[in-house]
Each structure stands twice: as C-alpha cells, then as structure tokens.
C-alpha atoms as a PDB file:
ATOM      1  CA  MET A   1     -28.876 -43.236  -5.727  1.00  0.00           C
ATOM      2  CA  ALA A   2     -31.357 -40.616  -4.530  1.00  0.00           C
ATOM      3  CA  ASN A   3     -33.152 -41.271  -1.267  1.00  0.00           C
ATOM      4  CA  ARG A   4     -36.548 -40.824  -2.961  1.00  0.00           C
ATOM      5  CA  GLN A   5     -39.732 -41.298  -0.947  1.00  0.00           C
ATOM      6  CA  PRO A   6     -43.083 -40.615  -2.650  1.00  0.00           C
ATOM      7  CA  LEU A   7     -45.160 -37.668  -1.415  1.00  0.00           C
ATOM      8  CA  ASP A   8     -48.884 -37.908  -0.774  1.00  0.00           C
ATOM      9  CA  PHE A   9     -50.282 -34.500  -1.727  1.00  0.00           C
ATOM     10  CA  THR A  10     -53.588 -35.370   0.008  1.00  0.00           C
ATOM     11  CA  ASP A  11     -51.712 -35.552   3.343  1.00  0.00           C
ATOM     12  CA  PRO A  12     -51.221 -32.218   5.170  1.00  0.00           C
ATOM     13  CA  ARG A  13     -47.861 -33.375   6.529  1.00  0.00           C
ATOM     14  CA  ASP A  14     -46.487 -33.919   3.040  1.00  0.00           C
ATOM     15  CA  ASN A  15     -47.939 -30.600   1.875  1.00  0.00           C
ATOM     16  CA  VAL A  16     -46.197 -28.741   4.689  1.00  0.00           C
ATOM     17  CA  TYR A  17     -42.914 -30.545   4.005  1.00  0.00           C
ATOM     18  CA  ALA A  18     -43.033 -29.941   0.230  1.00  0.00           C
ATOM     19  CA  PHE A  19     -43.896 -26.258   0.503  1.00  0.00           C
ATOM     20  CA  ALA A  20     -41.212 -25.596   3.142  1.00  0.00           C
ATOM     21  CA  LYS A  21     -38.561 -27.469   1.134  1.00  0.00           C
ATOM     22  CA  MET A  22     -39.443 -25.477  -2.005  1.00  0.00           C
ATOM     23  CA  TRP A  23     -39.786 -22.018  -0.407  1.00  0.00           C
ATOM     24  CA  GLY A  24     -36.844 -22.422   1.996  1.00  0.00           C
ATOM     25  CA  SER A  25     -34.070 -24.840   2.786  1.00  0.00           C
ATOM     26  CA  PHE A  26     -33.283 -27.424   5.471  1.00  0.00           C
ATOM     27  CA  ALA A  27     -29.551 -26.828   4.876  1.00  0.00           C
ATOM     28  CA  PRO A  28     -27.438 -24.894   7.416  1.00  0.00           C
ATOM     29  CA  GLU A  29     -26.110 -22.542   4.717  1.00  0.00           C
ATOM     30  CA  PRO A  30     -28.382 -19.927   3.107  1.00  0.00           C
ATOM     31  CA  HIS A  31     -30.207 -20.706  -0.122  1.00  0.00           C
ATOM     32  CA  ILE A  32     -30.869 -17.336  -1.742  1.00  0.00           C
ATOM     33  CA  GLY A  33     -34.172 -16.468  -3.385  1.00  0.00           C
ATOM     34  CA  VAL A  34     -34.644 -13.465  -5.661  1.00  0.00           C
ATOM     35  CA  PHE A  35     -37.395 -11.583  -7.490  1.00  0.00           C
ATOM     36  CA  HIS A  36     -37.080  -8.930 -10.170  1.00  0.00           C
ATOM     37  CA  GLY A  37     -39.321  -7.284 -12.736  1.00  0.00           C
ATOM     38  CA  THR A  38     -41.294  -4.139 -13.578  1.00  0.00           C
ATOM     39  CA  MET A  39     -44.138  -2.167 -12.012  1.00  0.00           C
ATOM     40  CA  PHE A  40     -46.750  -0.342 -14.066  1.00  0.00           C
ATOM     41  CA  ALA A  41     -49.344   2.321 -13.334  1.00  0.00           C
ATOM     42  CA  SER A  42     -52.903   1.435 -14.344  1.00  0.00           C
ATOM     43  CA  ILE A  43     -55.196   4.465 -14.504  1.00  0.00           C
ATOM     44  CA  GLY A  44     -58.675   4.134 -15.884  1.00  0.00           C
ATOM     45  CA  THR A  45     -58.602   2.938 -19.475  1.00  0.00           C
ATOM     46  CA  ASP A  46     -55.193   4.494 -20.201  1.00  0.00           C
ATOM     47  CA  ARG A  47     -52.416   2.321 -21.564  1.00  0.00           C
ATOM     48  CA  LEU A  48     -50.348   0.945 -18.680  1.00  0.00           C
ATOM     49  CA  MET A  49     -47.259   3.040 -17.910  1.00  0.00           C
ATOM     50  CA  PRO A  50     -43.999   1.401 -16.753  1.00  0.00           C
ATOM     51  CA  LEU A  51     -42.736   3.300 -13.688  1.00  0.00           C
ATOM     52  CA  PHE A  52     -39.772   1.474 -12.173  1.00  0.00           C
ATOM     53  CA  GLY A  53     -38.310  -1.940 -11.463  1.00  0.00           C
ATOM     54  CA  PHE A  54     -39.089  -3.952  -8.356  1.00  0.00           C
ATOM     55  CA  ALA A  55     -36.492  -6.416  -7.082  1.00  0.00           C
ATOM     56  CA  GLY A  56     -35.228  -8.014  -3.920  1.00  0.00           C
ATOM     57  CA  THR A  57     -33.945 -11.088  -2.128  1.00  0.00           C
ATOM     58  CA  GLY A  58     -34.964 -13.550   0.550  1.00  0.00           C
ATOM     59  CA  VAL A  59     -33.293 -16.234   2.664  1.00  0.00           C
ATOM     60  CA  THR A  60     -35.476 -18.687   4.535  1.00  0.00           C
ATOM     61  CA  LYS A  61     -34.331 -21.549   6.750  1.00  0.00           C
ATOM     62  CA  VAL A  62     -36.815 -24.236   7.743  1.00  0.00           C
ATOM     63  CA  LYS A  63     -36.988 -26.927  10.429  1.00  0.00           C
ATOM     64  CA  GLN A  64     -39.473 -29.790  10.693  1.00  0.00           C
ATOM     65  CA  LEU A  65     -40.907 -30.710  14.080  1.00  0.00           C
ATOM     66  CA  ASP A  66     -41.955 -34.149  15.294  1.00  0.00           C
ATOM     67  CA  ASN A  67     -45.650 -33.228  14.915  1.00  0.00           C
ATOM     68  CA  GLY A  68     -45.174 -32.530  11.192  1.00  0.00           C
ATOM     69  CA  HIS A  69     -45.220 -28.756  11.590  1.00  0.00           C
ATOM     70  CA  VAL A  70     -42.434 -26.661  10.046  1.00  0.00           C
ATOM     71  CA  ILE A  71     -40.863 -23.518  11.482  1.00  0.00           C
ATOM     72  CA  MET A  72     -39.743 -20.965   8.905  1.00  0.00           C
ATOM     73  CA  ARG A  73     -37.350 -18.086   9.647  1.00  0.00           C
ATOM     74  CA  GLY A  74     -35.801 -15.623   7.232  1.00  0.00           C
ATOM     75  CA  LYS A  75     -34.930 -12.147   6.002  1.00  0.00           C
ATOM     76  CA  GLU A  76     -35.939 -10.193   2.938  1.00  0.00           C
ATOM     77  CA  THR A  77     -35.082  -7.043   1.006  1.00  0.00           C
ATOM     78  CA  GLY A  78     -37.008  -4.980  -1.510  1.00  0.00           C
ATOM     79  CA  PHE A  79     -35.787  -2.245  -3.894  1.00  0.00           C
ATOM     80  CA  PHE A  80     -37.236   0.018  -6.549  1.00  0.00           C
ATOM     81  CA  THR A  81     -34.900   0.231  -9.497  1.00  0.00           C
ATOM     82  CA  ASP A  82     -34.177   2.393 -12.485  1.00  0.00           C
ATOM     83  CA  LEU A  83     -35.808   0.884 -15.588  1.00  0.00           C
ATOM     84  CA  ALA A  84     -32.748   1.437 -17.784  1.00  0.00           C
ATOM     85  CA  THR A  85     -29.964   0.321 -15.450  1.00  0.00           C
ATOM     86  CA  GLY A  86     -31.595  -1.910 -12.788  1.00  0.00           C
ATOM     87  CA  VAL A  87     -29.816   0.116 -10.094  1.00  0.00           C
ATOM     88  CA  PRO A  88     -31.804   0.774  -6.899  1.00  0.00           C
ATOM     89  CA  MET A  89     -33.001   4.365  -6.957  1.00  0.00           C
ATOM     90  CA  LYS A  90     -32.395   6.894  -4.155  1.00  0.00           C
ATOM     91  CA  THR A  91     -34.939   9.332  -5.561  1.00  0.00           C
ATOM     92  CA  TRP A  92     -37.687   9.141  -8.172  1.00  0.00           C
ATOM     93  CA  ASP A  93     -39.236  11.840 -10.344  1.00  0.00           C
ATOM     94  CA  ASN A  94     -42.991  11.359  -9.935  1.00  0.00           C
ATOM     95  CA  PRO A  95     -44.539  11.977 -13.380  1.00  0.00           C
ATOM     96  CA  PHE A  96     -47.998  12.532 -11.878  1.00  0.00           C
ATOM     97  CA  THR A  97     -47.155  15.193  -9.296  1.00  0.00           C
ATOM     98  CA  GLY A  98     -43.895  16.629 -10.722  1.00  0.00           C
ATOM     99  CA  GLU A  99     -42.248  16.033  -7.327  1.00  0.00           C
ATOM    100  CA  THR A 100     -38.881  14.317  -6.756  1.00  0.00           C
ATOM    101  CA  VAL A 101     -39.465  11.921  -3.875  1.00  0.00           C
ATOM    102  CA  GLU A 102     -37.146   9.822  -1.713  1.00  0.00           C
ATOM    103  CA  VAL A 103     -37.415   6.101  -2.538  1.00  0.00           C
ATOM    104  CA  TYR A 104     -38.019   3.731   0.392  1.00  0.00           C
ATOM    105  CA  GLU A 105     -35.902   0.574   0.608  1.00  0.00           C
ATOM    106  CA  PHE A 106     -37.373  -2.395   2.448  1.00  0.00           C
ATOM    107  CA  PHE A 107     -35.184  -4.419   4.848  1.00  0.00           C
ATOM    108  CA  ASN A 108     -37.010  -6.927   7.060  1.00  0.00           C
ATOM    109  CA  ASP A 109     -35.050  -9.349   9.260  1.00  0.00           C
ATOM    110  CA  LYS A 110     -38.029 -10.714  11.186  1.00  0.00           C
ATOM    111  CA  ILE A 111     -39.814 -13.024   8.728  1.00  0.00           C
ATOM    112  CA  GLY A 112     -41.030 -16.109  10.506  1.00  0.00           C
ATOM    113  CA  GLY A 113     -43.898 -18.411  11.021  1.00  0.00           C
ATOM    114  CA  GLU A 114     -45.033 -21.969  11.821  1.00  0.00           C
ATOM    115  CA  LEU A 115     -46.695 -24.052   9.163  1.00  0.00           C
ATOM    116  CA  THR A 116     -49.182 -26.365  10.830  1.00  0.00           C
ATOM    117  CA  LEU A 117     -51.398 -29.119   9.437  1.00  0.00           C
ATOM    118  CA  GLU A 118     -54.148 -26.487   9.034  1.00  0.00           C
ATOM    119  CA  LEU A 119     -54.033 -24.087   6.118  1.00  0.00           C
ATOM    120  CA  PRO A 120     -52.388 -20.930   7.488  1.00  0.00           C
ATOM    121  CA  LYS A 121     -53.980 -17.535   7.715  1.00  0.00           C
ATOM    122  CA  LEU A 122     -51.502 -14.945   6.583  1.00  0.00           C
ATOM    123  CA  HIS A 123     -51.300 -12.029   9.014  1.00  0.00           C
ATOM    124  CA  VAL A 124     -49.709  -8.758   7.911  1.00  0.00           C
ATOM    125  CA  GLY A 125     -48.221  -6.545  10.587  1.00  0.00           C
ATOM    126  CA  ASP A 126     -50.323  -5.852  13.674  1.00  0.00           C
ATOM    127  CA  ASN A 127     -53.668  -5.697  11.865  1.00  0.00           C
ATOM    128  CA  PRO A 128     -56.202  -8.237  13.187  1.00  0.00           C
ATOM    129  CA  ASP A 129     -58.361  -7.603  10.116  1.00  0.00           C
ATOM    130  CA  ALA A 130     -55.580  -8.646   7.737  1.00  0.00           C
ATOM    131  CA  ALA A 131     -55.628 -12.406   8.298  1.00  0.00           C
ATOM    132  CA  VAL A 132     -56.735 -14.415   5.252  1.00  0.00           C
ATOM    133  CA  HIS A 133     -56.336 -18.033   4.252  1.00  0.00           C
ATOM    134  CA  MET A 134     -53.725 -18.681   1.585  1.00  0.00           C
ATOM    135  CA  ASN A 135     -55.286 -19.616  -1.773  1.00  0.00           C
ATOM    136  CA  LEU A 136     -58.752 -18.571  -0.644  1.00  0.00           C
ATOM    137  CA  LEU A 137     -61.092 -19.014  -3.610  1.00  0.00           C
ATOM    138  CA  GLY A 138     -64.815 -18.564  -4.119  1.00  0.00           C
ATOM    139  CA  ASP A 139     -67.113 -17.810  -1.219  1.00  0.00           C
ATOM    140  CA  GLN A 140     -65.380 -15.816   1.478  1.00  0.00           C
ATOM    141  CA  ASP A 141     -67.479 -17.524   4.137  1.00  0.00           C
ATOM    142  CA  GLN A 142     -65.056 -20.372   4.602  1.00  0.00           C
ATOM    143  CA  PRO A 143     -64.684 -22.619   7.691  1.00  0.00           C
ATOM    144  CA  GLU A 144     -62.225 -21.335  10.231  1.00  0.00           C
ATOM    145  CA  THR A 145     -60.163 -24.539  10.021  1.00  0.00           C
ATOM    146  CA  ILE A 146     -59.095 -25.932   6.640  1.00  0.00           C
ATOM    147  CA  PRO A 147     -56.673 -28.879   6.162  1.00  0.00           C
ATOM    148  CA  HIS A 148     -53.297 -27.773   4.857  1.00  0.00           C
ATOM    149  CA  ILE A 149     -53.794 -29.068   1.288  1.00  0.00           C
ATOM    150  CA  LEU A 150     -52.366 -26.931  -1.531  1.00  0.00           C
ATOM    151  CA  PRO A 151     -53.489 -27.025  -5.197  1.00  0.00           C
ATOM    152  CA  TRP A 152     -50.468 -28.904  -6.574  1.00  0.00           C
ATOM    153  CA  GLN A 153     -50.657 -30.087 -10.197  1.00  0.00           C
ATOM    154  CA  ILE A 154     -48.377 -32.963 -11.215  1.00  0.00           C
ATOM    155  CA  TYR A 155     -47.340 -33.539 -14.821  1.00  0.00           C
ATOM    156  CA  GLY A 156     -44.603 -36.179 -14.860  1.00  0.00           C
ATOM    157  CA  ASP A 157     -41.695 -34.628 -12.982  1.00  0.00           C
ATOM    158  CA  GLU A 158     -43.087 -31.108 -13.326  1.00  0.00           C
ATOM    159  CA  VAL A 159     -44.957 -29.818 -10.262  1.00  0.00           C
ATOM    160  CA  LEU A 160     -47.093 -26.675 -10.632  1.00  0.00           C
ATOM    161  CA  LEU A 161     -48.530 -24.669  -7.753  1.00  0.00           C
ATOM    162  CA  GLU A 162     -50.836 -21.658  -7.715  1.00  0.00           C
ATOM    163  CA  TRP A 163     -50.282 -19.482  -4.665  1.00  0.00           C
ATOM    164  CA  ASP A 164     -52.521 -16.456  -4.143  1.00  0.00           C
ATOM    165  CA  TYR A 165     -53.353 -14.187  -1.272  1.00  0.00           C
ATOM    166  CA  ALA A 166     -55.459 -11.045  -1.294  1.00  0.00           C
ATOM    167  CA  HIS A 167     -55.794  -8.592   1.580  1.00  0.00           C
ATOM    168  CA  SER A 168     -58.046  -5.716   2.548  1.00  0.00           C
ATOM    169  CA  TYR A 169     -57.197  -4.035   5.815  1.00  0.00           C
ATOM    170  CA  ALA A 170     -56.766  -0.751   7.625  1.00  0.00           C
ATOM    171  CA  ASN A 171     -53.932   1.266   6.101  1.00  0.00           C
ATOM    172  CA  PRO A 172     -50.937   1.424   8.506  1.00  0.00           C
ATOM    173  CA  VAL A 173     -50.005   4.673   6.702  1.00  0.00           C
ATOM    174  CA  ASP A 174     -52.901   6.528   8.325  1.00  0.00           C
ATOM    175  CA  PRO A 175     -54.142   9.435   6.163  1.00  0.00           C
ATOM    176  CA  MET A 176     -54.513  11.601   9.275  1.00  0.00           C
ATOM    177  CA  ARG A 177     -50.807  11.218  10.075  1.00  0.00           C
ATOM    178  CA  PHE A 178     -49.507  10.802   6.505  1.00  0.00           C
ATOM    179  CA  PRO A 179     -51.773  12.915   4.247  1.00  0.00           C
ATOM    180  CA  ARG A 180     -49.219  12.907   1.370  1.00  0.00           C
ATOM    181  CA  SER A 181     -48.091   9.303   1.649  1.00  0.00           C
ATOM    182  CA  SER A 182     -51.449   7.671   2.327  1.00  0.00           C
ATOM    183  CA  THR A 183     -53.928   6.651  -0.368  1.00  0.00           C
ATOM    184  CA  GLY A 184     -56.782   6.309   2.133  1.00  0.00           C
ATOM    185  CA  PRO A 185     -57.969   4.466   5.220  1.00  0.00           C
ATOM    186  CA  TRP A 186     -57.862   0.993   3.599  1.00  0.00           C
ATOM    187  CA  ILE A 187     -55.463  -0.841   1.306  1.00  0.00           C
ATOM    188  CA  ASN A 188     -55.910  -4.074  -0.673  1.00  0.00           C
ATOM    189  CA  PRO A 189     -52.555  -5.432  -1.875  1.00  0.00           C
ATOM    190  CA  SER A 190     -52.507  -8.884  -3.430  1.00  0.00           C
ATOM    191  CA  GLU A 191     -49.757 -11.199  -4.682  1.00  0.00           C
ATOM    192  CA  HIS A 192     -50.057 -14.103  -7.102  1.00  0.00           C
ATOM    193  CA  PHE A 193     -47.529 -16.794  -7.979  1.00  0.00           C
ATOM    194  CA  THR A 194     -47.432 -19.533 -10.610  1.00  0.00           C
ATOM    195  CA  ILE A 195     -44.723 -21.828  -9.266  1.00  0.00           C
ATOM    196  CA  TYR A 196     -42.762 -24.578 -11.041  1.00  0.00           C
ATOM    197  CA  THR A 197     -40.621 -27.161  -9.273  1.00  0.00           C
ATOM    198  CA  SER A 198     -39.432 -30.772  -9.615  1.00  0.00           C
ATOM    199  CA  LEU A 199     -41.175 -33.816  -8.145  1.00  0.00           C
ATOM    200  CA  ALA A 200     -37.872 -35.692  -8.024  1.00  0.00           C
ATOM    201  CA  GLU A 201     -36.250 -32.918  -6.017  1.00  0.00           C
ATOM    202  CA  LEU A 202     -39.243 -32.649  -3.650  1.00  0.00           C
ATOM    203  CA  GLU A 203     -39.195 -36.402  -3.020  1.00  0.00           C
ATOM    204  CA  ASP A 204     -35.393 -36.755  -2.622  1.00  0.00           C
ATOM    205  CA  ARG A 205     -34.989 -36.712   1.154  1.00  0.00           C
ATOM    206  CA  ASP A 206     -31.215 -36.118   0.845  1.00  0.00           C
ATOM    207  CA  LEU A 207     -31.771 -32.745  -0.877  1.00  0.00           C
ATOM    208  CA  PRO A 208     -32.220 -29.869   1.598  1.00  0.00           C
ATOM    209  CA  SER A 209     -34.252 -27.813  -0.882  1.00  0.00           C
ATOM    210  CA  ALA A 210     -36.100 -28.063  -4.177  1.00  0.00           C
ATOM    211  CA  HIS A 211     -35.359 -25.371  -6.752  1.00  0.00           C
ATOM    212  CA  PHE A 212     -38.390 -23.363  -7.839  1.00  0.00           C
ATOM    213  CA  ARG A 213     -39.056 -20.695 -10.408  1.00  0.00           C
ATOM    214  CA  ALA A 214     -42.261 -18.666 -10.644  1.00  0.00           C
ATOM    215  CA  GLY A 215     -44.143 -15.927 -12.327  1.00  0.00           C
ATOM    216  CA  PHE A 216     -44.964 -13.330  -9.712  1.00  0.00           C
ATOM    217  CA  SER A 217     -47.589 -10.606 -10.125  1.00  0.00           C
ATOM    218  CA  ARG A 218     -48.775  -7.993  -7.693  1.00  0.00           C
ATOM    219  CA  LEU A 219     -51.668  -5.490  -7.493  1.00  0.00           C
ATOM    220  CA  SER A 220     -51.795  -2.715  -4.921  1.00  0.00           C
ATOM    221  CA  PRO A 221     -52.511   0.976  -4.295  1.00  0.00           C
ATOM    222  CA  TRP A 222     -49.672   3.409  -4.874  1.00  0.00           C
ATOM    223  CA  TRP A 223     -46.656   2.782  -2.631  1.00  0.00           C
ATOM    224  CA  PRO A 224     -46.598   5.324   0.225  1.00  0.00           C
ATOM    225  CA  TRP A 225     -43.162   6.662  -0.685  1.00  0.00           C
ATOM    226  CA  MET A 226     -44.592   7.821  -4.059  1.00  0.00           C
ATOM    227  CA  ARG A 227     -46.428  10.591  -2.167  1.00  0.00           C
ATOM    228  CA  MET A 228     -49.646  10.202  -4.147  1.00  0.00           C
ATOM    229  CA  GLY A 229     -51.956  11.214  -1.277  1.00  0.00           C
ATOM    230  CA  GLY A 230     -54.122  14.124  -2.371  1.00  0.00           C
ATOM    231  CA  SER A 231     -52.837  13.899  -5.961  1.00  0.00           C
ATOM    232  CA  GLY A 232     -56.276  13.146  -7.352  1.00  0.00           C
ATOM    233  CA  VAL A 233     -54.790  10.384  -9.533  1.00  0.00           C
ATOM    234  CA  GLU A 234     -56.907   7.274  -9.008  1.00  0.00           C
ATOM    235  CA  GLY A 235     -55.105   4.184 -10.077  1.00  0.00           C
ATOM    236  CA  VAL A 236     -53.334   1.000  -9.048  1.00  0.00           C
ATOM    237  CA  LEU A 237     -49.894  -0.513  -9.393  1.00  0.00           C
ATOM    238  CA  PHE A 238     -49.457  -3.731 -11.331  1.00  0.00           C
ATOM    239  CA  GLY A 239     -46.185  -5.618 -11.148  1.00  0.00           C
ATOM    240  CA  ARG A 240     -44.970  -8.587 -13.150  1.00  0.00           C
ATOM    241  CA  MET A 241     -41.794 -10.241 -11.876  1.00  0.00           C
ATOM    242  CA  PHE A 242     -39.735 -13.377 -11.933  1.00  0.00           C
ATOM    243  CA  SER A 243     -39.348 -15.165  -8.601  1.00  0.00           C
ATOM    244  CA  ARG A 244     -36.919 -18.042  -8.063  1.00  0.00           C
ATOM    245  CA  THR A 245     -34.396 -19.735  -5.849  1.00  0.00           C
ATOM    246  CA  THR A 246     -30.849 -19.603  -7.180  1.00  0.00           C
ATOM    247  CA  HIS A 247     -28.614 -22.357  -8.472  1.00  0.00           C
ATOM    248  CA  ARG A 248     -25.381 -20.336  -8.206  1.00  0.00           C
ATOM    249  CA  GLY A 249     -26.039 -18.132  -5.207  1.00  0.00           C
ATOM    250  CA  LEU A 250     -25.176 -14.473  -5.735  1.00  0.00           C
ATOM    251  CA  ASP A 251     -24.195 -15.085  -9.349  1.00  0.00           C
ATOM    252  CA  ASP A 252     -27.922 -15.573 -10.073  1.00  0.00           C
ATOM    253  CA  VAL A 253     -28.966 -12.297  -8.396  1.00  0.00           C
ATOM    254  CA  PRO A 254     -28.953  -9.060 -10.488  1.00  0.00           C
ATOM    255  CA  ARG A 255     -25.605  -7.434  -9.747  1.00  0.00           C
ATOM    256  CA  PRO A 256     -26.947  -3.973  -8.764  1.00  0.00           C
ATOM    257  CA  ILE A 257     -29.105  -5.633  -6.079  1.00  0.00           C
ATOM    258  CA  VAL A 258     -26.123  -7.556  -4.648  1.00  0.00           C
ATOM    259  CA  ASP A 259     -24.022  -4.398  -4.675  1.00  0.00           C
ATOM    260  CA  ARG A 260     -26.671  -2.419  -2.761  1.00  0.00           C
ATOM    261  CA  ILE A 261     -27.147  -5.122  -0.105  1.00  0.00           C
ATOM    262  CA  MET A 262     -23.377  -5.492   0.361  1.00  0.00           C
ATOM    263  CA  GLN A 263     -23.156  -1.714   0.731  1.00  0.00           C
ATOM    264  CA  LYS A 264     -25.939  -1.389   3.323  1.00  0.00           C
ATOM    265  CA  ASP A 265     -26.001  -4.708   5.244  1.00  0.00           C
ATOM    266  CA  PRO A 266     -24.468  -7.955   3.931  1.00  0.00           C
ATOM    267  CA  SER A 267     -26.070  -9.921   6.782  1.00  0.00           C
ATOM    268  CA  TYR A 268     -29.324  -9.927   4.765  1.00  0.00           C
ATOM    269  CA  LEU A 269     -27.724 -12.571   2.576  1.00  0.00           C
ATOM    270  CA  GLU A 270     -27.205 -14.817   5.644  1.00  0.00           C
ATOM    271  CA  TYR A 271     -29.658 -16.709   7.805  1.00  0.00           C
ATOM    272  CA  PRO A 272     -30.845 -15.221  11.106  1.00  0.00           C
ATOM    273  CA  GLU A 273     -29.118 -16.864  14.055  1.00  0.00           C
ATOM    274  CA  ASP A 274     -32.373 -17.333  16.005  1.00  0.00           C
ATOM    275  CA  TRP A 275     -35.702 -19.043  15.366  1.00  0.00           C
ATOM    276  CA  GLU A 276     -37.845 -16.225  16.715  1.00  0.00           C
ATOM    277  CA  ILE A 277     -41.092 -15.771  14.848  1.00  0.00           C
ATOM    278  CA  GLY A 278     -41.844 -12.097  14.134  1.00  0.00           C
ATOM    279  CA  PRO A 279     -44.723 -10.352  12.346  1.00  0.00           C
ATOM    280  CA  ILE A 280     -44.884 -10.343   8.567  1.00  0.00           C
ATOM    281  CA  LEU A 281     -44.361  -6.699   7.584  1.00  0.00           C
ATOM    282  CA  SER A 282     -45.460  -5.244   4.307  1.00  0.00           C
ATOM    283  CA  THR A 283     -43.877  -2.098   2.964  1.00  0.00           C
ATOM    284  CA  TRP A 284     -46.793  -0.105   4.447  1.00  0.00           C
ATOM    285  CA  GLU A 285     -46.166  -1.365   8.003  1.00  0.00           C
ATOM    286  CA  ALA A 286     -42.402  -0.824   7.695  1.00  0.00           C
ATOM    287  CA  TYR A 287     -42.849   2.643   6.152  1.00  0.00           C
ATOM    288  CA  ALA A 288     -45.196   3.733   8.961  1.00  0.00           C
ATOM    289  CA  ARG A 289     -42.687   2.560  11.564  1.00  0.00           C
ATOM    290  CA  ASP A 290     -39.642   4.081   9.883  1.00  0.00           C
ATOM    291  CA  THR A 291     -41.054   7.420   8.697  1.00  0.00           C
ATOM    292  CA  ALA A 292     -41.865  10.491  10.778  1.00  0.00           C
ATOM    293  CA  PRO A 293     -45.535  11.550  10.550  1.00  0.00           C
ATOM    294  CA  GLU A 294     -46.249  14.372   8.121  1.00  0.00           C
ATOM    295  CA  ALA A 295     -48.996  15.893  10.294  1.00  0.00           C
END
C-alpha cells in the first residue's frame, strides 16, 4: 500500500517538497524531462509564421534538507529543429534577411538552486536586474519576502499549477559587441507553463518523483543566432511546446534529439556528480560567452 501522507498546500514546506518532487526526482538515477514544439514569428498584424522547432531535455536531482529547503541540481539541452523532420539544424535559411546562419545549440551543465520557504527570485546569468519572483502577478511593487506558496488547484486527484516568470534585463548580447546578433540593449523573455500532475503521486512518500505534463509557451525577442540585428524587422518569437517528465526514459524523447545528444555529449542524460549551485543561463548568456564578438 502506498505510503501516502496528505500535503498542506498552505504550508511552504509542503509547497517546496511538492514542486521539487514534480520538477525533479529524489531517486539516484536520472528522471528525464523533455520539451518539444514550434516557434513562430509575430510581426505586426501579419499572420504568425512558423520558423523552426524548439526541443530539448533536462535532468534534475533534488535533495531535501532538515530545514525544509530543497537543493536542485541538473543539466539541460536546447535545440532548434527542422519543421519537417524534427532533426536539430546546423544552419538555417533566414527568410527575413536571406542569410544562411549557423544555429546555436544550448548545453548547460550548471543548473542549480536552493528552494527555501520564501518564494524564490529567479536570477538569470550575472544580471542583478534580472531577478523576479516566480508567478509575480499584479502590482510589481511586491514585498521583498513572500512565503513560498504556489497557486496549486486541486480537482480530485488532478493537480494543476500555473508557473510564470517574465524578465526584463540588460541584454548579455551587447549591441556594441554583437551588432548583428543583438536586438538591442534590453531583452524581455518570458516563459509560461500550465502543469498537470497527480495528487496521489505527490503524496506517496515512497515515490521519488511525480510525473508531470505541461503546456509550455514562450515569448522573446529574436534569438541572437538568427542575426536579426540591424534587419529592421520588428517582431517577437512565440513558442508553443509540450513539456513533461518521461515514463519510459529515452523512449519518450523525440529520437532526433536523443541521437544529437548521444553524438555530442551523452553525459547530459545523466545527473551531475556534484551539488554545486551555478547560475541559471539563458541562451543569451551562453551565446555571449561562447561566441566571439562581431565588433
């Protein structure tokens, strides 16, 4: 019989435990997460144009501390894929500039953080102006300290969770150094999840993780690798993806993504050996670090 202990979603300790168990795993072996879908260009009042697929993986191990906090440590990948085949692209023919550009693949092995009993502020890269509370709604003038209570909705065994974060911060891809890759001095990427999981799985203390599935949408300026700086095309990227943890491991990950990771670095499908907490890097931070300045 399941070792089921009820959760109190008004208690920050139970919120931290439930989120960590859903997003990661307490098990010693990796529990693979995956996202995959399509990105569109939105320009003025034009009909949205599908550009390419967006897909990747994540593995996150979690550990609960005596004070109720949880340490999270993981790795992630991100790829831009051909719409017809789902295969990660090496180059992309930009329909706006007529240029064939090199596609940037995202490999980050330094995901980490500590979930405390206060609602976390999500920091991106080294930017002090990038920290925002998760699920910040309404008036931006919020107290500095907010209890770690998430907007769970319970319908029988079905648990729903909205998870949003929206940033506005200095662009790591500085237009003075990257005039072709940069869209300007500031960027405002945001990501939005509608998550579904099981109350029985969350409350079963013998299960190391609770399976989740989610709708995942994203809004942002043009990716830097698209080389839209100076193009004169004012628009945004909209992405709609699936996001989920897998039941069958690699069998539940699109095969072209598995093949590319196995070709480049299979260790991204395994947990990190350490518990070091590194900065959360977006593609902009990673691109600026990995790419030689254009000017």
